[in-house]
Amino acid sequence: MTIRPFLGGKSFDPESLDILDKAFEDVCAQLGVSGNARHSREAIAKKVLEQADGQRDRDAIRAAVVASLSDARPNSGRCPNLPSTSVGRRLLELRSGSAD
C-alpha cells in the first residue's frame, strides 16, 4: 500500500515520500485496514499528511495518527473493513465529514 494515490497533487522529495509511505503502511497495518478499504485508507492518508507536516520520524507520525483516530466520540455507524473500535468510528466520522 502506498500513500501516493491520496496526495492530492502535493509533491514531496523522495525521502519524505518514503517516510510518508512507511508511516501510512504502519498505521494501516496497526489498525488492520486492508488494501480493499479505500475510504478508510483515504481517511488515514489525510491524517498522515496532517501529522507529518514538518515531521520526519515515521514512528512519531504513526503514533500521532493512531492517537488522533483513537480519540473518538461514540458513533452508531460502523466503518467497513475495520474492527468495531473507537478508531473505526473516528475513521467513519472523518469519511462522512462529521468530525470536529
Protein backbone atom coordinates (compact mmCIF):
# COMPACT_ATOMS: atom_id res chain seq x y z
CA MET A 1 0.00 0.00 0.00
CA THR A 2 1.20 3.46 -0.79
CA ILE A 3 0.01 6.93 0.14
CA ARG A 4 0.63 8.25 -3.38
CA PRO A 5 -2.98 7.98 -4.66
CA PHE A 6 -4.08 10.24 -1.78
CA LEU A 7 -1.56 13.07 -2.14
CA GLY A 8 -4.00 15.34 -3.95
CA GLY A 9 -1.36 16.91 -6.19
CA LYS A 10 1.08 17.61 -3.37
CA SER A 11 4.68 16.83 -4.17
CA PHE A 12 7.40 15.59 -1.85
CA ASP A 13 11.07 14.81 -2.19
CA PRO A 14 11.84 11.06 -2.43
CA GLU A 15 12.98 10.75 1.20
CA SER A 16 9.84 12.46 2.54
CA LEU A 17 7.63 10.35 0.29
CA ASP A 18 9.33 7.21 1.62
CA ILE A 19 8.67 8.34 5.22
CA LEU A 20 5.01 9.08 4.39
CA ASP A 21 4.59 5.72 2.66
CA LYS A 22 6.05 3.81 5.58
CA ALA A 23 4.04 5.74 8.18
CA PHE A 24 0.85 5.17 6.15
CA GLU A 25 1.60 1.44 5.81
CA ASP A 26 2.36 1.21 9.53
CA VAL A 27 -0.93 2.85 10.54
CA CYS A 28 -2.95 0.69 8.14
CA ALA A 29 -1.23 -2.45 9.45
CA GLN A 30 -1.71 -1.46 13.08
CA LEU A 31 -5.41 -0.75 12.53
CA GLY A 32 -5.99 -3.80 10.33
CA VAL A 33 -7.06 -1.75 7.32
CA SER A 34 -6.85 -3.80 4.13
CA GLY A 35 -5.96 -2.65 0.66
CA ASN A 36 -9.63 -3.00 -0.30
CA ALA A 37 -10.82 -0.44 2.26
CA ARG A 38 -10.33 2.62 0.06
CA HIS A 39 -12.35 5.07 2.16
CA SER A 40 -10.61 4.06 5.37
CA ARG A 41 -7.20 4.26 3.69
CA GLU A 42 -8.09 7.71 2.35
CA ALA A 43 -9.04 8.94 5.85
CA ILE A 44 -5.80 7.53 7.24
CA ALA A 45 -3.77 9.13 4.45
CA LYS A 46 -5.29 12.54 5.23
CA LYS A 47 -4.37 12.15 8.88
CA VAL A 48 -0.83 11.04 7.99
CA LEU A 49 -0.40 14.13 5.81
CA GLU A 50 -1.75 16.38 8.59
CA GLN A 51 0.50 14.87 11.25
CA ALA A 52 3.57 14.72 9.02
CA ASP A 53 3.72 18.47 8.46
CA GLY A 54 7.39 19.10 9.24
CA GLN A 55 7.78 15.72 10.96
CA ARG A 56 10.45 13.32 9.67
CA ASP A 57 10.05 10.47 12.18
CA ARG A 58 7.74 7.77 10.83
CA ASP A 59 7.13 6.28 14.27
CA ALA A 60 6.10 9.67 15.64
CA ILE A 61 3.77 10.20 12.68
CA ARG A 62 2.24 6.73 13.17
CA ALA A 63 1.74 7.29 16.90
CA ALA A 64 0.16 10.71 16.35
CA VAL A 65 -2.23 9.39 13.70
CA VAL A 66 -3.30 6.40 15.80
CA ALA A 67 -3.75 8.65 18.84
CA SER A 68 -5.83 11.17 16.86
CA LEU A 69 -8.03 8.39 15.46
CA SER A 70 -8.39 6.75 18.86
CA ASP A 71 -9.68 9.97 20.39
CA ALA A 72 -13.19 9.44 19.02
CA ARG A 73 -16.67 10.10 20.27
CA PRO A 74 -19.10 7.16 20.29
CA ASN A 75 -20.90 6.85 16.98
CA SER A 76 -23.59 4.43 15.92
CA GLY A 77 -22.04 3.96 12.47
CA ARG A 78 -19.57 1.29 11.54
CA CYS A 79 -16.69 1.55 9.14
CA PRO A 80 -16.46 -1.44 6.81
CA ASN A 81 -13.24 -3.43 6.93
CA LEU A 82 -12.31 -2.10 10.36
CA PRO A 83 -12.80 -3.62 13.76
CA SER A 84 -15.67 -2.10 15.73
CA THR A 85 -13.50 0.24 17.77
CA SER A 86 -13.24 3.92 18.52
CA VAL A 87 -10.69 4.09 15.70
CA GLY A 88 -13.21 2.65 13.27
CA ARG A 89 -15.81 5.15 14.45
CA ARG A 90 -13.32 8.01 14.09
CA LEU A 91 -12.50 6.95 10.53
CA LEU A 92 -16.20 6.85 9.76
CA GLU A 93 -16.58 10.39 11.14
CA LEU A 94 -13.67 11.62 9.04
CA ARG A 95 -15.11 9.94 5.98
CA SER A 96 -18.55 11.47 6.48
CA GLY A 97 -17.21 14.92 7.35
CA SER A 98 -18.80 14.97 10.80
CA ALA A 99 -15.53 15.12 12.73
CA ASP A 100 -14.59 18.22 14.70
